[in-house]
């Protein structure tokens, strides 16, 4: 099951890299979150999960990110950006699930 989830995460990350960053969101803050940094942090943590177990600090960061997405997603009023950041959130959630499986 872990291998399948890792494969799915790898696929999601490849899809993410093929998606253009939403116009107008570079340098934009929503709910006190820099949207470009939110994207970069989520991708970086997901990439770390593919390499192996995260440190406790990074696992905490991943947990924080998933809750941040729940705050910012409802406030995005651009259709493409909503799709883009929902994909990023789903990637972070899957990465967190993988880390949870590793802890068992």
N, C-alpha and C. Protein backbone atom coordinates (compact mmCIF):
# COMPACT_ATOMS: atom_id res chain seq x y z
N UNK A 1 0.82 -1.20 0.00
CA UNK A 1 0.00 0.00 0.00
C UNK A 1 0.86 1.26 0.00
N UNK A 2 1.97 1.24 0.74
CA UNK A 2 2.86 2.40 0.78
C UNK A 2 3.41 2.70 -0.60
N UNK A 3 3.83 1.66 -1.31
CA UNK A 3 4.40 1.86 -2.65
C UNK A 3 3.38 2.51 -3.59
N UNK A 4 2.13 2.07 -3.52
CA UNK A 4 1.10 2.63 -4.38
C UNK A 4 0.89 4.12 -4.07
N UNK A 5 0.90 4.45 -2.79
CA UNK A 5 0.72 5.86 -2.40
C UNK A 5 1.92 6.69 -2.84
N UNK A 6 3.12 6.14 -2.72
CA UNK A 6 4.31 6.86 -3.19
C UNK A 6 4.25 7.07 -4.70
N UNK A 7 3.80 6.06 -5.44
CA UNK A 7 3.65 6.20 -6.89
C UNK A 7 2.62 7.28 -7.22
N UNK A 8 1.51 7.28 -6.47
CA UNK A 8 0.47 8.29 -6.70
C UNK A 8 1.00 9.69 -6.41
N UNK A 9 1.79 9.83 -5.34
CA UNK A 9 2.37 11.13 -5.00
C UNK A 9 3.33 11.58 -6.10
N UNK A 10 4.14 10.68 -6.59
CA UNK A 10 5.06 11.01 -7.67
C UNK A 10 4.29 11.50 -8.91
N UNK A 11 3.20 10.82 -9.22
CA UNK A 11 2.37 11.22 -10.36
C UNK A 11 1.75 12.60 -10.14
N UNK A 12 1.25 12.83 -8.93
CA UNK A 12 0.65 14.14 -8.63
C UNK A 12 1.69 15.26 -8.75
N UNK A 13 2.91 14.97 -8.32
CA UNK A 13 3.97 15.98 -8.40
C UNK A 13 4.32 16.28 -9.85
N UNK A 14 4.34 15.24 -10.70
CA UNK A 14 4.61 15.45 -12.12
C UNK A 14 3.49 16.28 -12.75
N UNK A 15 2.24 15.98 -12.39
CA UNK A 15 1.11 16.76 -12.90
C UNK A 15 1.22 18.22 -12.44
N UNK A 16 1.62 18.40 -11.19
CA UNK A 16 1.75 19.75 -10.65
C UNK A 16 2.79 20.55 -11.44
N UNK A 17 3.90 19.93 -11.73
CA UNK A 17 4.96 20.63 -12.47
C UNK A 17 4.52 21.01 -13.88
N UNK A 18 3.54 20.28 -14.42
CA UNK A 18 3.05 20.58 -15.77
C UNK A 18 2.01 21.71 -15.76
N UNK A 19 1.51 22.06 -14.58
CA UNK A 19 0.49 23.11 -14.47
C UNK A 19 1.16 24.48 -14.33
N UNK A 20 0.77 25.44 -15.14
CA UNK A 20 1.32 26.79 -14.96
C UNK A 20 0.87 27.40 -13.63
N UNK A 21 1.76 28.16 -13.03
CA UNK A 21 1.41 28.85 -11.80
C UNK A 21 0.30 29.86 -12.11
N UNK A 22 -0.68 29.99 -11.23
CA UNK A 22 -1.80 30.89 -11.52
C UNK A 22 -1.36 32.35 -11.71
N UNK A 23 -1.78 32.96 -12.82
CA UNK A 23 -1.44 34.37 -13.05
C UNK A 23 -1.96 35.25 -11.91
N UNK A 24 -1.13 36.16 -11.49
CA UNK A 24 -1.54 37.10 -10.46
C UNK A 24 -1.37 36.61 -9.03
N UNK A 25 -0.90 35.37 -8.86
CA UNK A 25 -0.76 34.82 -7.51
C UNK A 25 0.68 34.90 -6.99
N UNK A 26 1.63 35.22 -7.84
CA UNK A 26 3.00 35.40 -7.37
C UNK A 26 3.06 36.71 -6.59
N UNK A 27 3.49 36.61 -5.34
CA UNK A 27 3.56 37.79 -4.49
C UNK A 27 2.23 38.12 -3.81
N UNK A 28 1.21 37.32 -4.03
CA UNK A 28 -0.10 37.56 -3.43
C UNK A 28 -0.19 36.88 -2.07
N UNK A 29 -0.69 37.60 -1.09
CA UNK A 29 -0.96 37.03 0.23
C UNK A 29 -2.46 36.83 0.39
N UNK A 30 -2.84 35.66 0.85
CA UNK A 30 -4.23 35.35 1.19
C UNK A 30 -4.21 34.78 2.60
N UNK A 31 -5.03 35.36 3.46
CA UNK A 31 -5.07 34.92 4.87
C UNK A 31 -3.66 34.90 5.47
N UNK A 32 -2.89 35.94 5.16
CA UNK A 32 -1.51 36.09 5.66
C UNK A 32 -0.57 34.99 5.17
N UNK A 33 -0.90 34.38 4.04
CA UNK A 33 -0.05 33.34 3.46
C UNK A 33 0.44 33.79 2.08
N UNK A 34 1.74 33.76 1.87
CA UNK A 34 2.30 34.04 0.56
C UNK A 34 2.00 32.83 -0.31
N UNK A 35 1.22 33.03 -1.35
CA UNK A 35 0.73 31.91 -2.14
C UNK A 35 1.84 31.18 -2.91
N UNK A 36 2.87 31.90 -3.33
CA UNK A 36 3.99 31.24 -4.00
C UNK A 36 4.77 30.38 -3.01
N UNK A 37 4.96 30.90 -1.80
CA UNK A 37 5.69 30.13 -0.78
C UNK A 37 4.88 28.91 -0.33
N UNK A 38 3.56 29.07 -0.24
CA UNK A 38 2.71 27.95 0.13
C UNK A 38 2.87 26.81 -0.87
N UNK A 39 2.86 27.17 -2.14
CA UNK A 39 3.06 26.21 -3.21
C UNK A 39 4.44 25.55 -3.10
N UNK A 40 5.46 26.35 -2.94
CA UNK A 40 6.83 25.84 -2.87
C UNK A 40 7.05 24.96 -1.65
N UNK A 41 6.50 25.37 -0.51
CA UNK A 41 6.65 24.57 0.71
C UNK A 41 5.97 23.22 0.56
N UNK A 42 4.77 23.21 0.01
CA UNK A 42 4.04 21.95 -0.16
C UNK A 42 4.80 21.02 -1.11
N UNK A 43 5.29 21.57 -2.21
CA UNK A 43 6.03 20.74 -3.16
C UNK A 43 7.32 20.21 -2.53
N UNK A 44 8.03 21.07 -1.82
CA UNK A 44 9.28 20.66 -1.20
C UNK A 44 9.09 19.56 -0.16
N UNK A 45 8.04 19.68 0.64
CA UNK A 45 7.78 18.64 1.64
C UNK A 45 7.34 17.34 0.97
N UNK A 46 6.54 17.44 -0.08
CA UNK A 46 6.13 16.23 -0.80
C UNK A 46 7.35 15.55 -1.43
N UNK A 47 8.26 16.35 -1.98
CA UNK A 47 9.49 15.78 -2.55
C UNK A 47 10.30 15.07 -1.46
N UNK A 48 10.34 15.65 -0.27
CA UNK A 48 11.03 15.02 0.85
C UNK A 48 10.41 13.69 1.21
N UNK A 49 9.09 13.60 1.16
CA UNK A 49 8.41 12.34 1.47
C UNK A 49 8.81 11.26 0.47
N UNK A 50 8.98 11.63 -0.78
CA UNK A 50 9.40 10.64 -1.79
C UNK A 50 10.79 10.10 -1.50
N UNK A 51 11.64 10.91 -0.88
CA UNK A 51 13.02 10.50 -0.58
C UNK A 51 13.11 9.61 0.65
N UNK A 52 12.15 9.72 1.55
CA UNK A 52 12.19 8.92 2.77
C UNK A 52 11.43 9.61 3.88
N UNK A 53 11.42 9.04 5.06
CA UNK A 53 10.68 9.64 6.17
C UNK A 53 11.17 11.06 6.48
N UNK A 54 10.21 11.91 6.83
CA UNK A 54 10.53 13.28 7.20
C UNK A 54 10.93 13.36 8.67
N UNK A 55 11.67 14.40 8.99
CA UNK A 55 11.98 14.68 10.39
C UNK A 55 10.70 15.12 11.09
N UNK A 56 10.72 15.12 12.40
CA UNK A 56 9.55 15.57 13.17
C UNK A 56 9.19 17.01 12.79
N UNK A 57 10.18 17.86 12.63
CA UNK A 57 9.94 19.25 12.27
C UNK A 57 9.23 19.35 10.91
N UNK A 58 9.68 18.57 9.95
CA UNK A 58 9.07 18.60 8.63
C UNK A 58 7.67 18.00 8.64
N UNK A 59 7.46 16.95 9.44
CA UNK A 59 6.11 16.39 9.57
C UNK A 59 5.16 17.43 10.16
N UNK A 60 5.63 18.18 11.14
CA UNK A 60 4.81 19.25 11.72
C UNK A 60 4.50 20.32 10.68
N UNK A 61 5.47 20.64 9.87
CA UNK A 61 5.25 21.62 8.80
C UNK A 61 4.22 21.14 7.79
N UNK A 62 4.25 19.87 7.48
CA UNK A 62 3.28 19.29 6.55
C UNK A 62 1.87 19.34 7.14
N UNK A 63 1.76 19.04 8.42
CA UNK A 63 0.46 19.11 9.10
C UNK A 63 -0.06 20.54 9.10
N UNK A 64 0.83 21.49 9.37
CA UNK A 64 0.44 22.91 9.36
C UNK A 64 -0.03 23.32 7.98
N UNK A 65 0.67 22.89 6.95
CA UNK A 65 0.31 23.26 5.59
C UNK A 65 -1.08 22.76 5.22
N UNK A 66 -1.40 21.55 5.59
CA UNK A 66 -2.72 21.02 5.23
C UNK A 66 -3.82 21.86 5.87
N UNK A 67 -3.60 22.35 7.08
CA UNK A 67 -4.63 23.20 7.71
C UNK A 67 -4.66 24.59 7.07
N UNK A 68 -3.52 25.09 6.63
CA UNK A 68 -3.47 26.40 5.96
C UNK A 68 -4.29 26.35 4.67
N UNK A 69 -4.18 25.26 3.94
CA UNK A 69 -4.96 25.14 2.70
C UNK A 69 -6.46 25.24 2.98
N UNK A 70 -6.90 24.68 4.09
CA UNK A 70 -8.32 24.74 4.43
C UNK A 70 -8.76 26.18 4.72
N UNK A 71 -7.84 27.03 5.13
CA UNK A 71 -8.15 28.44 5.35
C UNK A 71 -8.17 29.24 4.06
N UNK A 72 -7.18 28.98 3.19
CA UNK A 72 -7.05 29.83 1.99
C UNK A 72 -7.95 29.39 0.84
N UNK A 73 -8.17 28.10 0.67
CA UNK A 73 -8.94 27.64 -0.49
C UNK A 73 -10.32 28.30 -0.62
N UNK A 74 -11.09 28.40 0.46
CA UNK A 74 -12.42 29.02 0.30
C UNK A 74 -12.38 30.50 -0.10
N UNK A 75 -11.25 31.15 0.08
CA UNK A 75 -11.18 32.58 -0.22
C UNK A 75 -10.67 32.88 -1.64
N UNK A 76 -10.24 31.86 -2.36
CA UNK A 76 -9.74 32.06 -3.73
C UNK A 76 -10.95 32.16 -4.66
N UNK A 77 -11.02 33.26 -5.41
CA UNK A 77 -12.17 33.47 -6.29
C UNK A 77 -11.83 33.32 -7.77
N UNK A 78 -10.73 32.66 -8.06
CA UNK A 78 -10.30 32.42 -9.44
C UNK A 78 -10.42 30.91 -9.70
N UNK A 79 -11.14 30.54 -10.75
CA UNK A 79 -11.41 29.12 -11.02
C UNK A 79 -10.13 28.30 -11.21
N UNK A 80 -9.22 28.80 -12.05
CA UNK A 80 -7.99 28.06 -12.28
C UNK A 80 -7.15 27.97 -11.01
N UNK A 81 -7.02 29.06 -10.29
CA UNK A 81 -6.22 29.06 -9.07
C UNK A 81 -6.82 28.11 -8.03
N UNK A 82 -8.13 28.04 -7.97
CA UNK A 82 -8.77 27.09 -7.05
C UNK A 82 -8.40 25.67 -7.43
N UNK A 83 -8.45 25.36 -8.71
CA UNK A 83 -8.07 24.02 -9.19
C UNK A 83 -6.60 23.75 -8.86
N UNK A 84 -5.76 24.72 -9.14
CA UNK A 84 -4.32 24.57 -8.90
C UNK A 84 -4.02 24.32 -7.43
N UNK A 85 -4.56 25.16 -6.56
CA UNK A 85 -4.26 25.02 -5.13
C UNK A 85 -4.98 23.83 -4.49
N UNK A 86 -6.09 23.40 -5.05
CA UNK A 86 -6.71 22.17 -4.57
C UNK A 86 -5.81 20.99 -4.88
N UNK A 87 -5.20 21.02 -6.05
CA UNK A 87 -4.25 19.96 -6.42
C UNK A 87 -3.05 19.97 -5.46
N UNK A 88 -2.54 21.14 -5.16
CA UNK A 88 -1.41 21.26 -4.23
C UNK A 88 -1.81 20.74 -2.85
N UNK A 89 -3.00 21.11 -2.40
CA UNK A 89 -3.49 20.62 -1.10
C UNK A 89 -3.60 19.11 -1.10
N UNK A 90 -4.16 18.55 -2.16
CA UNK A 90 -4.31 17.09 -2.24
C UNK A 90 -2.95 16.40 -2.22
N UNK A 91 -1.97 17.02 -2.85
CA UNK A 91 -0.61 16.50 -2.84
C UNK A 91 -0.05 16.50 -1.41
N UNK A 92 -0.27 17.58 -0.68
CA UNK A 92 0.20 17.67 0.70
C UNK A 92 -0.52 16.68 1.60
N UNK A 93 -1.82 16.51 1.39
CA UNK A 93 -2.60 15.54 2.19
C UNK A 93 -2.09 14.13 1.94
N UNK A 94 -1.84 13.78 0.68
CA UNK A 94 -1.31 12.45 0.37
C UNK A 94 0.06 12.26 1.00
N UNK A 95 0.91 13.27 0.94
CA UNK A 95 2.23 13.19 1.57
C UNK A 95 2.09 12.95 3.07
N UNK A 96 1.14 13.63 3.70
CA UNK A 96 0.89 13.45 5.14
C UNK A 96 0.39 12.03 5.43
N UNK A 97 -0.46 11.50 4.55
CA UNK A 97 -0.94 10.12 4.72
C UNK A 97 0.23 9.13 4.66
N UNK A 98 1.13 9.36 3.74
CA UNK A 98 2.29 8.49 3.60
C UNK A 98 3.13 8.54 4.87
N UNK A 99 3.36 9.73 5.38
CA UNK A 99 4.12 9.86 6.62
C UNK A 99 3.42 9.17 7.78
N UNK A 100 2.11 9.25 7.81
CA UNK A 100 1.35 8.58 8.86
C UNK A 100 1.52 7.07 8.76
N UNK A 101 1.48 6.54 7.56
CA UNK A 101 1.69 5.10 7.37
C UNK A 101 3.08 4.67 7.84
N UNK A 102 4.05 5.52 7.58
CA UNK A 102 5.42 5.19 7.99
C UNK A 102 5.58 5.17 9.50
N UNK A 103 4.74 5.91 10.21
CA UNK A 103 4.85 5.97 11.67
C UNK A 103 4.28 4.75 12.35
N UNK A 104 3.51 3.97 11.62
CA UNK A 104 2.87 2.78 12.22
C UNK A 104 3.83 1.63 12.34
